[in-house]
Amino acid sequence: MNRVTIDELINRLEQVLRQERTREEISDWAYQWMEQYENIDGFDWTASDEVVWPCLQTIYGMDLLETPSEYLHDRSDLESWVMEFKKLKNHH
């Protein structure tokens, strides 16, 4: 099975920040990966997977709405996630 990398997660967030992709597209992408991780029998979690999993959960929530026209997480939240993910990458 392919695995998601921190680099890929950072790239996806940056695509949203550059308005190349929508939050909903990337949230759906994260959800599909979460389902793969959860539904594989005997999936052998690596240290990298343990780091990636909470990041996927974070990205999955990026399209939550606070009001009908406002996202719960604003642009600065997404930018701080990129910085946090880069720190995680440098520690592994």
PDB file of N, CA and C in Angstrom:
ATOM      1  N   MET A   1       0.841  -1.190   0.000  1.00  0.00           N
ATOM      2  CA  MET A   1       0.000   0.000   0.000  1.00  0.00           C
ATOM      3  C   MET A   1       0.882   1.249   0.000  1.00  0.00           C
ATOM      4  N   ASN A   2       0.462   2.191  -0.757  1.00  0.00           N
ATOM      5  CA  ASN A   2       1.124   3.495  -0.709  1.00  0.00           C
ATOM      6  C   ASN A   2       0.825   4.159   0.623  1.00  0.00           C
ATOM      7  N   ARG A   3       1.686   5.058   1.019  1.00  0.00           N
ATOM      8  CA  ARG A   3       1.472   5.796   2.261  1.00  0.00           C
ATOM      9  C   ARG A   3       1.568   7.284   1.972  1.00  0.00           C
ATOM     10  N   VAL A   4       0.854   8.043   2.778  1.00  0.00           N
ATOM     11  CA  VAL A   4       0.910   9.496   2.664  1.00  0.00           C
ATOM     12  C   VAL A   4       2.155   9.974   3.401  1.00  0.00           C
ATOM     13  N   THR A   5       2.803  10.995   2.849  1.00  0.00           N
ATOM     14  CA  THR A   5       3.979  11.560   3.505  1.00  0.00           C
ATOM     15  C   THR A   5       3.651  12.960   4.020  1.00  0.00           C
ATOM     16  N   ILE A   6       4.453  13.418   4.946  1.00  0.00           N
ATOM     17  CA  ILE A   6       4.297  14.780   5.453  1.00  0.00           C
ATOM     18  C   ILE A   6       4.458  15.780   4.300  1.00  0.00           C
ATOM     19  N   ASP A   7       5.413  15.506   3.408  1.00  0.00           N
ATOM     20  CA  ASP A   7       5.609  16.400   2.255  1.00  0.00           C
ATOM     21  C   ASP A   7       4.339  16.540   1.426  1.00  0.00           C
ATOM     22  N   GLU A   8       3.650  15.420   1.235  1.00  0.00           N
ATOM     23  CA  GLU A   8       2.418  15.441   0.454  1.00  0.00           C
ATOM     24  C   GLU A   8       1.340  16.262   1.166  1.00  0.00           C
ATOM     25  N   LEU A   9       1.265  16.112   2.471  1.00  0.00           N
ATOM     26  CA  LEU A   9       0.282  16.873   3.248  1.00  0.00           C
ATOM     27  C   LEU A   9       0.579  18.373   3.161  1.00  0.00           C
ATOM     28  N   ILE A  10       1.842  18.729   3.277  1.00  0.00           N
ATOM     29  CA  ILE A  10       2.241  20.136   3.172  1.00  0.00           C
ATOM     30  C   ILE A  10       1.881  20.674   1.794  1.00  0.00           C
ATOM     31  N   ASN A  11       2.176  19.891   0.766  1.00  0.00           N
ATOM     32  CA  ASN A  11       1.880  20.296  -0.601  1.00  0.00           C
ATOM     33  C   ASN A  11       0.379  20.548  -0.784  1.00  0.00           C
ATOM     34  N   ARG A  12      -0.443  19.672  -0.245  1.00  0.00           N
ATOM     35  CA  ARG A  12      -1.904  19.829  -0.382  1.00  0.00           C
ATOM     36  C   ARG A  12      -2.384  21.099   0.310  1.00  0.00           C
ATOM     37  N   LEU A  13      -1.871  21.355   1.500  1.00  0.00           N
ATOM     38  CA  LEU A  13      -2.252  22.592   2.196  1.00  0.00           C
ATOM     39  C   LEU A  13      -1.820  23.822   1.403  1.00  0.00           C
ATOM     40  N   GLU A  14      -0.617  23.760   0.859  1.00  0.00           N
ATOM     41  CA  GLU A  14      -0.121  24.898   0.082  1.00  0.00           C
ATOM     42  C   GLU A  14      -0.936  25.104  -1.192  1.00  0.00           C
ATOM     43  N   GLN A  15      -1.457  24.028  -1.775  1.00  0.00           N
ATOM     44  CA  GLN A  15      -2.328  24.159  -2.945  1.00  0.00           C
ATOM     45  C   GLN A  15      -3.596  24.939  -2.588  1.00  0.00           C
ATOM     46  N   VAL A  16      -4.138  24.681  -1.417  1.00  0.00           N
ATOM     47  CA  VAL A  16      -5.328  25.415  -0.968  1.00  0.00           C
ATOM     48  C   VAL A  16      -4.969  26.880  -0.725  1.00  0.00           C
ATOM     49  N   LEU A  17      -3.837  27.115  -0.079  1.00  0.00           N
ATOM     50  CA  LEU A  17      -3.421  28.488   0.200  1.00  0.00           C
ATOM     51  C   LEU A  17      -3.183  29.273  -1.093  1.00  0.00           C
ATOM     52  N   ARG A  18      -2.718  28.585  -2.135  1.00  0.00           N
ATOM     53  CA  ARG A  18      -2.505  29.248  -3.429  1.00  0.00           C
ATOM     54  C   ARG A  18      -3.776  29.268  -4.274  1.00  0.00           C
ATOM     55  N   GLN A  19      -4.849  28.738  -3.714  1.00  0.00           N
ATOM     56  CA  GLN A  19      -6.168  28.670  -4.365  1.00  0.00           C
ATOM     57  C   GLN A  19      -6.139  27.831  -5.643  1.00  0.00           C
ATOM     58  N   GLU A  20      -5.288  26.815  -5.652  1.00  0.00           N
ATOM     59  CA  GLU A  20      -5.236  25.875  -6.772  1.00  0.00           C
ATOM     60  C   GLU A  20      -6.242  24.736  -6.574  1.00  0.00           C
ATOM     61  N   ARG A  21      -6.576  24.492  -5.332  1.00  0.00           N
ATOM     62  CA  ARG A  21      -7.565  23.468  -4.979  1.00  0.00           C
ATOM     63  C   ARG A  21      -8.462  24.024  -3.883  1.00  0.00           C
ATOM     64  N   THR A  22      -9.653  23.448  -3.771  1.00  0.00           N
ATOM     65  CA  THR A  22     -10.574  23.905  -2.726  1.00  0.00           C
ATOM     66  C   THR A  22     -10.326  23.136  -1.436  1.00  0.00           C
ATOM     67  N   ARG A  23     -10.784  23.718  -0.360  1.00  0.00           N
ATOM     68  CA  ARG A  23     -10.698  23.034   0.933  1.00  0.00           C
ATOM     69  C   ARG A  23     -11.445  21.704   0.872  1.00  0.00           C
ATOM     70  N   GLU A  24     -12.604  21.737   0.203  1.00  0.00           N
ATOM     71  CA  GLU A  24     -13.434  20.534   0.135  1.00  0.00           C
ATOM     72  C   GLU A  24     -12.719  19.407  -0.613  1.00  0.00           C
ATOM     73  N   GLU A  25     -12.016  19.745  -1.690  1.00  0.00           N
ATOM     74  CA  GLU A  25     -11.264  18.726  -2.441  1.00  0.00           C
ATOM     75  C   GLU A  25     -10.216  18.057  -1.558  1.00  0.00           C
ATOM     76  N   ILE A  26      -9.477  18.869  -0.830  1.00  0.00           N
ATOM     77  CA  ILE A  26      -8.387  18.333  -0.019  1.00  0.00           C
ATOM     78  C   ILE A  26      -8.925  17.610   1.216  1.00  0.00           C
ATOM     79  N   SER A  27     -10.014  18.098   1.768  1.00  0.00           N
ATOM     80  CA  SER A  27     -10.656  17.394   2.878  1.00  0.00           C
ATOM     81  C   SER A  27     -11.114  16.008   2.424  1.00  0.00           C
ATOM     82  N   ASP A  28     -11.727  15.940   1.252  1.00  0.00           N
ATOM     83  CA  ASP A  28     -12.177  14.650   0.708  1.00  0.00           C
ATOM     84  C   ASP A  28     -10.988  13.718   0.464  1.00  0.00           C
ATOM     85  N   TRP A  29      -9.897  14.285  -0.059  1.00  0.00           N
ATOM     86  CA  TRP A  29      -8.678  13.501  -0.302  1.00  0.00           C
ATOM     87  C   TRP A  29      -8.162  12.916   1.016  1.00  0.00           C
ATOM     88  N   ALA A  30      -8.119  13.746   2.065  1.00  0.00           N
ATOM     89  CA  ALA A  30      -7.644  13.280   3.378  1.00  0.00           C
ATOM     90  C   ALA A  30      -8.545  12.169   3.908  1.00  0.00           C
ATOM     91  N   TYR A  31      -9.850  12.344   3.743  1.00  0.00           N
ATOM     92  CA  TYR A  31     -10.801  11.341   4.229  1.00  0.00           C
ATOM     93  C   TYR A  31     -10.588   9.998   3.528  1.00  0.00           C
ATOM     94  N   GLN A  32     -10.337  10.037   2.223  1.00  0.00           N
ATOM     95  CA  GLN A  32     -10.102   8.787   1.484  1.00  0.00           C
ATOM     96  C   GLN A  32      -8.874   8.062   2.031  1.00  0.00           C
ATOM     97  N   TRP A  33      -7.830   8.825   2.350  1.00  0.00           N
ATOM     98  CA  TRP A  33      -6.635   8.207   2.940  1.00  0.00           C
ATOM     99  C   TRP A  33      -6.934   7.652   4.321  1.00  0.00           C
ATOM    100  N   MET A  34      -7.702   8.390   5.128  1.00  0.00           N
ATOM    101  CA  MET A  34      -8.048   7.920   6.466  1.00  0.00           C
ATOM    102  C   MET A  34      -8.796   6.593   6.370  1.00  0.00           C
ATOM    103  N   GLU A  35      -9.716   6.497   5.417  1.00  0.00           N
ATOM    104  CA  GLU A  35     -10.465   5.250   5.230  1.00  0.00           C
ATOM    105  C   GLU A  35      -9.533   4.099   4.853  1.00  0.00           C
ATOM    106  N   GLN A  36      -8.563   4.371   3.990  1.00  0.00           N
ATOM    107  CA  GLN A  36      -7.617   3.314   3.607  1.00  0.00           C
ATOM    108  C   GLN A  36      -6.838   2.827   4.815  1.00  0.00           C
ATOM    109  N   TYR A  37      -6.342   3.761   5.619  1.00  0.00           N
ATOM    110  CA  TYR A  37      -5.575   3.380   6.804  1.00  0.00           C
ATOM    111  C   TYR A  37      -6.435   2.553   7.769  1.00  0.00           C
ATOM    112  N   GLU A  38      -7.698   2.931   7.898  1.00  0.00           N
ATOM    113  CA  GLU A  38      -8.562   2.253   8.876  1.00  0.00           C
ATOM    114  C   GLU A  38      -9.066   0.904   8.398  1.00  0.00           C
ATOM    115  N   ASN A  39      -9.177   0.709   7.095  1.00  0.00           N
ATOM    116  CA  ASN A  39      -9.866  -0.473   6.581  1.00  0.00           C
ATOM    117  C   ASN A  39      -8.963  -1.588   6.089  1.00  0.00           C
ATOM    118  N   ILE A  40      -7.673  -1.456   6.290  1.00  0.00           N
ATOM    119  CA  ILE A  40      -6.771  -2.514   5.852  1.00  0.00           C
ATOM    120  C   ILE A  40      -6.511  -3.449   7.024  1.00  0.00           C
ATOM    121  N   ASP A  41      -6.915  -4.703   6.838  1.00  0.00           N
ATOM    122  CA  ASP A  41      -6.720  -5.697   7.894  1.00  0.00           C
ATOM    123  C   ASP A  41      -5.232  -5.928   8.122  1.00  0.00           C
ATOM    124  N   GLY A  42      -4.852  -5.915   9.368  1.00  0.00           N
ATOM    125  CA  GLY A  42      -3.470  -6.181   9.719  1.00  0.00           C
ATOM    126  C   GLY A  42      -2.511  -5.103   9.248  1.00  0.00           C
ATOM    127  N   PHE A  43      -3.020  -3.893   9.068  1.00  0.00           N
ATOM    128  CA  PHE A  43      -2.169  -2.794   8.605  1.00  0.00           C
ATOM    129  C   PHE A  43      -1.058  -2.561   9.617  1.00  0.00           C
ATOM    130  N   ASP A  44       0.157  -2.552   9.132  1.00  0.00           N
ATOM    131  CA  ASP A  44       1.329  -2.402   9.986  1.00  0.00           C
ATOM    132  C   ASP A  44       1.707  -0.927  10.092  1.00  0.00           C
ATOM    133  N   TRP A  45       1.281  -0.281  11.162  1.00  0.00           N
ATOM    134  CA  TRP A  45       1.541   1.148  11.362  1.00  0.00           C
ATOM    135  C   TRP A  45       3.023   1.378  11.591  1.00  0.00           C
ATOM    136  N   THR A  46       3.567   2.339  10.887  1.00  0.00           N
ATOM    137  CA  THR A  46       4.964   2.711  11.078  1.00  0.00           C
ATOM    138  C   THR A  46       5.009   3.982  11.929  1.00  0.00           C
ATOM    139  N   ALA A  47       6.196   4.359  12.338  1.00  0.00           N
ATOM    140  CA  ALA A  47       6.356   5.615  13.082  1.00  0.00           C
ATOM    141  C   ALA A  47       5.888   6.787  12.229  1.00  0.00           C
ATOM    142  N   SER A  48       6.156   6.714  10.948  1.00  0.00           N
ATOM    143  CA  SER A  48       5.721   7.771  10.026  1.00  0.00           C
ATOM    144  C   SER A  48       4.194   7.869   9.975  1.00  0.00           C
ATOM    145  N   ASP A  49       3.519   6.717   9.935  1.00  0.00           N
ATOM    146  CA  ASP A  49       2.053   6.706   9.923  1.00  0.00           C
ATOM    147  C   ASP A  49       1.487   7.348  11.189  1.00  0.00           C
ATOM    148  N   GLU A  50       2.148   7.104  12.305  1.00  0.00           N
ATOM    149  CA  GLU A  50       1.696   7.677  13.578  1.00  0.00           C
ATOM    150  C   GLU A  50       1.765   9.205  13.551  1.00  0.00           C
ATOM    151  N   VAL A  51       2.711   9.747  12.788  1.00  0.00           N
ATOM    152  CA  VAL A  51       2.841  11.197  12.651  1.00  0.00           C
ATOM    153  C   VAL A  51       1.827  11.729  11.633  1.00  0.00           C
ATOM    154  N   VAL A  52       1.649  10.990  10.551  1.00  0.00           N
ATOM    155  CA  VAL A  52       0.768  11.420   9.463  1.00  0.00           C
ATOM    156  C   VAL A  52      -0.701  11.397   9.875  1.00  0.00           C
ATOM    157  N   TRP A  53      -1.107  10.413  10.658  1.00  0.00           N
ATOM    158  CA  TRP A  53      -2.522  10.225  11.000  1.00  0.00           C
ATOM    159  C   TRP A  53      -3.177  11.486  11.587  1.00  0.00           C
ATOM    160  N   PRO A  54      -2.632  12.080  12.655  1.00  0.00           N
ATOM    161  CA  PRO A  54      -3.281  13.286  13.190  1.00  0.00           C
ATOM    162  C   PRO A  54      -3.268  14.453  12.194  1.00  0.00           C
ATOM    163  N   CYS A  55      -2.262  14.485  11.328  1.00  0.00           N
ATOM    164  CA  CYS A  55      -2.214  15.534  10.305  1.00  0.00           C
ATOM    165  C   CYS A  55      -3.352  15.345   9.303  1.00  0.00           C
ATOM    166  N   LEU A  56      -3.609  14.095   8.936  1.00  0.00           N
ATOM    167  CA  LEU A  56      -4.745  13.813   8.050  1.00  0.00           C
ATOM    168  C   LEU A  56      -6.047  14.255   8.702  1.00  0.00           C
ATOM    169  N   GLN A  57      -6.192  13.977   9.993  1.00  0.00           N
ATOM    170  CA  GLN A  57      -7.404  14.378  10.707  1.00  0.00           C
ATOM    171  C   GLN A  57      -7.558  15.895  10.705  1.00  0.00           C
ATOM    172  N   THR A  58      -6.463  16.609  10.866  1.00  0.00           N
ATOM    173  CA  THR A  58      -6.487  18.076  10.839  1.00  0.00           C
ATOM    174  C   THR A  58      -6.957  18.562   9.475  1.00  0.00           C
ATOM    175  N   ILE A  59      -6.348  18.026   8.428  1.00  0.00           N
ATOM    176  CA  ILE A  59      -6.692  18.448   7.072  1.00  0.00           C
ATOM    177  C   ILE A  59      -8.142  18.095   6.747  1.00  0.00           C
ATOM    178  N   TYR A  60      -8.593  16.948   7.228  1.00  0.00           N
ATOM    179  CA  TYR A  60      -9.972  16.530   6.985  1.00  0.00           C
ATOM    180  C   TYR A  60     -10.960  17.578   7.511  1.00  0.00           C
ATOM    181  N   GLY A  61     -10.611  18.268   8.595  1.00  0.00           N
ATOM    182  CA  GLY A  61     -11.502  19.268   9.193  1.00  0.00           C
ATOM    183  C   GLY A  61     -11.384  20.656   8.596  1.00  0.00           C
ATOM    184  N   MET A  62     -10.560  20.840   7.578  1.00  0.00           N
ATOM    185  CA  MET A  62     -10.325  22.184   7.038  1.00  0.00           C
ATOM    186  C   MET A  62     -11.543  22.808   6.377  1.00  0.00           C
ATOM    187  N   ASP A  63     -12.528  21.987   6.002  1.00  0.00           N
ATOM    188  CA  ASP A  63     -13.693  22.549   5.317  1.00  0.00           C
ATOM    189  C   ASP A  63     -14.899  22.741   6.235  1.00  0.00           C
ATOM    190  N   LEU A  64     -14.688  22.578   7.544  1.00  0.00           N
ATOM    191  CA  LEU A  64     -15.793  22.804   8.490  1.00  0.00           C
ATOM    192  C   LEU A  64     -16.211  24.273   8.471  1.00  0.00           C
ATOM    193  N   LEU A  65     -17.521  24.487   8.520  1.00  0.00           N
ATOM    194  CA  LEU A  65     -18.045  25.852   8.489  1.00  0.00           C
ATOM    195  C   LEU A  65     -18.441  26.312   9.880  1.00  0.00           C
ATOM    196  N   GLU A  66     -18.124  27.554  10.183  1.00  0.00           N
ATOM    197  CA  GLU A  66     -18.550  28.181  11.436  1.00  0.00           C
ATOM    198  C   GLU A  66     -19.912  28.825  11.229  1.00  0.00           C
ATOM    199  N   THR A  67     -20.087  29.444  10.079  1.00  0.00           N
ATOM    200  CA  THR A  67     -21.360  30.005   9.644  1.00  0.00           C
ATOM    201  C   THR A  67     -21.563  29.508   8.215  1.00  0.00           C
ATOM    202  N   PRO A  68     -22.727  29.746   7.626  1.00  0.00           N
ATOM    203  CA  PRO A  68     -22.924  29.254   6.250  1.00  0.00           C
ATOM    204  C   PRO A  68     -21.904  29.788   5.237  1.00  0.00           C
ATOM    205  N   SER A  69     -21.241  30.878   5.546  1.00  0.00           N
ATOM    206  CA  SER A  69     -20.298  31.442   4.575  1.00  0.00           C
ATOM    207  C   SER A  69     -18.873  31.602   5.107  1.00  0.00           C
ATOM    208  N   GLU A  70     -18.621  31.154   6.351  1.00  0.00           N
ATOM    209  CA  GLU A  70     -17.297  31.319   6.953  1.00  0.00           C
ATOM    210  C   GLU A  70     -16.758  29.991   7.447  1.00  0.00           C
ATOM    211  N   TYR A  71     -15.502  29.739   7.090  1.00  0.00           N
ATOM    212  CA  TYR A  71     -14.859  28.512   7.576  1.00  0.00           C
ATOM    213  C   TYR A  71     -14.472  28.661   9.038  1.00  0.00           C
ATOM    214  N   LEU A  72     -14.515  27.562   9.756  1.00  0.00           N
ATOM    215  CA  LEU A  72     -14.098  27.534  11.155  1.00  0.00           C
ATOM    216  C   LEU A  72     -12.604  27.871  11.264  1.00  0.00           C
ATOM    217  N   HIS A  73     -11.816  27.338  10.325  1.00  0.00           N
ATOM    218  CA  HIS A  73     -10.374  27.569  10.322  1.00  0.00           C
ATOM    219  C   HIS A  73     -10.043  28.577   9.227  1.00  0.00           C
ATOM    220  N   ASP A  74      -9.433  29.692   9.612  1.00  0.00           N
ATOM    221  CA  ASP A  74      -9.119  30.716   8.617  1.00  0.00           C
ATOM    222  C   ASP A  74      -7.756  30.464   7.980  1.00  0.00           C
ATOM    223  N   ARG A  75      -7.377  31.347   7.067  1.00  0.00           N
ATOM    224  CA  ARG A  75      -6.123  31.201   6.333  1.00  0.00           C
ATOM    225  C   ARG A  75      -4.922  31.083   7.269  1.00  0.00           C
ATOM    226  N   SER A  76      -4.906  31.857   8.346  1.00  0.00           N
ATOM    227  CA  SER A  76      -3.765  31.795   9.271  1.00  0.00           C
ATOM    228  C   SER A  76      -3.670  30.423   9.938  1.00  0.00           C
ATOM    229  N   ASP A  77      -4.814  29.765  10.167  1.00  0.00           N
ATOM    230  CA  ASP A  77      -4.785  28.400  10.712  1.00  0.00           C
ATOM    231  C   ASP A  77      -4.087  27.462   9.735  1.00  0.00           C
ATOM    232  N   LEU A  78      -4.447  27.561   8.465  1.00  0.00           N
ATOM    233  CA  LEU A  78      -3.838  26.704   7.454  1.00  0.00           C
ATOM    234  C   LEU A  78      -2.338  26.968   7.349  1.00  0.00           C
ATOM    235  N   GLU A  79      -1.963  28.227   7.412  1.00  0.00           N
ATOM    236  CA  GLU A  79      -0.536  28.571   7.361  1.00  0.00           C
ATOM    237  C   GLU A  79       0.202  28.003   8.572  1.00  0.00           C
ATOM    238  N   SER A  80      -0.423  28.054   9.736  1.00  0.00           N
ATOM    239  CA  SER A  80       0.238  27.510  10.935  1.00  0.00           C
ATOM    240  C   SER A  80       0.325  25.983  10.854  1.00  0.00           C
ATOM    241  N   TRP A  81      -0.654  25.332  10.223  1.00  0.00           N
ATOM    242  CA  TRP A  81      -0.576  23.880  10.036  1.00  0.00           C
ATOM    243  C   TRP A  81       0.626  23.527   9.166  1.00  0.00           C
ATOM    244  N   VAL A  82       0.835  24.305   8.091  1.00  0.00           N
ATOM    245  CA  VAL A  82       1.993  24.059   7.222  1.00  0.00           C
ATOM    246  C   VAL A  82       3.272  24.128   8.055  1.00  0.00           C
ATOM    247  N   MET A  83       3.387  25.144   8.895  1.00  0.00           N
ATOM    248  CA  MET A  83       4.587  25.296   9.721  1.00  0.00           C
ATOM    249  C   MET A  83       4.719  24.137  10.712  1.00  0.00           C
ATOM    250  N   GLU A  84       3.612  23.734  11.329  1.00  0.00           N
ATOM    251  CA  GLU A  84       3.653  22.608  12.271  1.00  0.00           C
ATOM    252  C   GLU A  84       4.074  21.326  11.565  1.00  0.00           C
ATOM    253  N   PHE A  85       3.517  21.084  10.376  1.00  0.00           N
ATOM    254  CA  PHE A  85       3.839  19.866   9.637  1.00  0.00           C
ATOM    255  C   PHE A  85       5.316  19.866   9.232  1.00  0.00           C
ATOM    256  N   LYS A  86       5.840  21.035   8.870  1.00  0.00           N
ATOM    257  CA  LYS A  86       7.261  21.123   8.506  1.00  0.00           C
ATOM    258  C   LYS A  86       8.141  20.801   9.719  1.00  0.00           C
ATOM    259  N   LYS A  87       7.719  21.238  10.910  1.00  0.00           N
ATOM    260  CA  LYS A  87       8.467  20.898  12.132  1.00  0.00           C
ATOM    261  C   LYS A  87       8.441  19.399  12.372  1.00  0.00           C
ATOM    262  N   LEU A  88       7.267  18.792  12.189  1.00  0.00           N
ATOM    263  CA  LEU A  88       7.148  17.339  12.377  1.00  0.00           C
ATOM    264  C   LEU A  88       8.070  16.600  11.414  1.00  0.00           C
ATOM    265  N   LYS A  89       8.111  17.086  10.188  1.00  0.00           N
ATOM    266  CA  LYS A  89       8.957  16.463   9.165  1.00  0.00           C
ATOM    267  C   LYS A  89      10.418  16.514   9.574  1.00  0.00           C
ATOM    268  N   ASN A  90      10.840  17.617  10.134  1.00  0.00           N
ATOM    269  CA  ASN A  90      12.238  17.779  10.512  1.00  0.00           C
ATOM    270  C   ASN A  90      12.614  16.950  11.738  1.00  0.00           C
ATOM    271  N   HIS A  91      11.607  16.504  12.493  1.00  0.00           N
ATOM    272  CA  HIS A  91      11.888  15.681  13.681  1.00  0.00           C
ATOM    273  C   HIS A  91      11.882  14.198  13.378  1.00  0.00           C
ATOM    274  N   HIS A  92      11.505  13.832  12.139  1.00  0.00           N
ATOM    275  CA  HIS A  92      11.432  12.388  11.809  1.00  0.00           C
ATOM    276  C   HIS A  92      12.298  12.043  10.645  1.00  0.00           C
TER     277      HIS A  92
END
